[in-house]
Amino acid sequence: MQHLTHKDPSEIRYCRNNS
């Protein structure tokens, strides 16, 4: 799952962790 729009830091952290 890749999110192009990051509005919350938690989402970025989640995406980075899921990298």
PDB file of N, CA and C in Angstrom:
ATOM      1  N   MET A   1       0.840  -1.204   0.000  1.00  0.00           N
ATOM      2  CA  MET A   1       0.000   0.000   0.000  1.00  0.00           C
ATOM      3  C   MET A   1       0.872   1.251   0.000  1.00  0.00           C
ATOM      4  N   GLN A   2       0.693   2.043  -1.015  1.00  0.00           N
ATOM      5  CA  GLN A   2       1.479   3.275  -1.108  1.00  0.00           C
ATOM      6  C   GLN A   2       0.568   4.491  -1.129  1.00  0.00           C
ATOM      7  N   HIS A   3       0.838   5.426  -0.235  1.00  0.00           N
ATOM      8  CA  HIS A   3       0.014   6.633  -0.198  1.00  0.00           C
ATOM      9  C   HIS A   3       0.774   7.807  -0.793  1.00  0.00           C
ATOM     10  N   LEU A   4       0.169   8.455  -1.755  1.00  0.00           N
ATOM     11  CA  LEU A   4       0.833   9.595  -2.390  1.00  0.00           C
ATOM     12  C   LEU A   4       0.609  10.859  -1.569  1.00  0.00           C
ATOM     13  N   THR A   5      -0.524  10.897  -0.887  1.00  0.00           N
ATOM     14  CA  THR A   5      -0.830  12.086  -0.090  1.00  0.00           C
ATOM     15  C   THR A   5      -0.565  11.819   1.391  1.00  0.00           C
ATOM     16  N   HIS A   6       0.334  12.605   1.947  1.00  0.00           N
ATOM     17  CA  HIS A   6       0.661  12.454   3.378  1.00  0.00           C
ATOM     18  C   HIS A   6       0.271  13.720   4.123  1.00  0.00           C
ATOM     19  N   LYS A   7      -0.704  13.564   4.981  1.00  0.00           N
ATOM     20  CA  LYS A   7      -1.130  14.737   5.748  1.00  0.00           C
ATOM     21  C   LYS A   7      -0.763  14.590   7.218  1.00  0.00           C
ATOM     22  N   ASP A   8      -0.693  13.344   7.668  1.00  0.00           N
ATOM     23  CA  ASP A   8      -0.352  13.115   9.077  1.00  0.00           C
ATOM     24  C   ASP A   8       0.991  12.415   9.186  1.00  0.00           C
ATOM     25  N   PRO A   9       1.812  12.783  10.147  1.00  0.00           N
ATOM     26  CA  PRO A   9       3.129  12.178  10.346  1.00  0.00           C
ATOM     27  C   PRO A   9       3.027  10.681  10.613  1.00  0.00           C
ATOM     28  N   SER A  10       1.919  10.305  11.237  1.00  0.00           N
ATOM     29  CA  SER A  10       1.730   8.881  11.546  1.00  0.00           C
ATOM     30  C   SER A  10       1.633   8.077  10.254  1.00  0.00           C
ATOM     31  N   GLU A  11       0.994   8.648   9.250  1.00  0.00           N
ATOM     32  CA  GLU A  11       0.842   7.955   7.971  1.00  0.00           C
ATOM     33  C   GLU A  11       2.189   7.789   7.298  1.00  0.00           C
ATOM     34  N   ILE A  12       3.001   8.824   7.353  1.00  0.00           N
ATOM     35  CA  ILE A  12       4.326   8.759   6.739  1.00  0.00           C
ATOM     36  C   ILE A  12       5.162   7.696   7.448  1.00  0.00           C
ATOM     37  N   ARG A  13       5.076   7.666   8.749  1.00  0.00           N
ATOM     38  CA  ARG A  13       5.849   6.696   9.522  1.00  0.00           C
ATOM     39  C   ARG A  13       5.380   5.284   9.167  1.00  0.00           C
ATOM     40  N   TYR A  14       4.080   5.124   8.995  1.00  0.00           N
ATOM     41  CA  TYR A  14       3.515   3.821   8.671  1.00  0.00           C
ATOM     42  C   TYR A  14       3.993   3.375   7.287  1.00  0.00           C
ATOM     43  N   CYS A  15       3.939   4.280   6.362  1.00  0.00           N
ATOM     44  CA  CYS A  15       4.346   3.961   4.988  1.00  0.00           C
ATOM     45  C   CYS A  15       5.843   3.651   4.956  1.00  0.00           C
ATOM     46  N   ARG A  16       6.612   4.388   5.729  1.00  0.00           N
ATOM     47  CA  ARG A  16       8.065   4.173   5.747  1.00  0.00           C
ATOM     48  C   ARG A  16       8.381   2.825   6.398  1.00  0.00           C
ATOM     49  N   ASN A  17       7.610   2.497   7.387  1.00  0.00           N
ATOM     50  CA  ASN A  17       7.831   1.230   8.078  1.00  0.00           C
ATOM     51  C   ASN A  17       7.404   0.070   7.185  1.00  0.00           C
ATOM     52  N   ASN A  18       6.442   0.338   6.337  1.00  0.00           N
ATOM     53  CA  ASN A  18       5.927  -0.687   5.441  1.00  0.00           C
ATOM     54  C   ASN A  18       6.770  -0.753   4.167  1.00  0.00           C
ATOM     55  N   SER A  19       7.710   0.157   4.066  1.00  0.00           N
ATOM     56  CA  SER A  19       8.555   0.223   2.883  1.00  0.00           C
ATOM     57  C   SER A  19       9.205  -1.124   2.607  1.00  0.00           C
TER      58      SER A  19
END
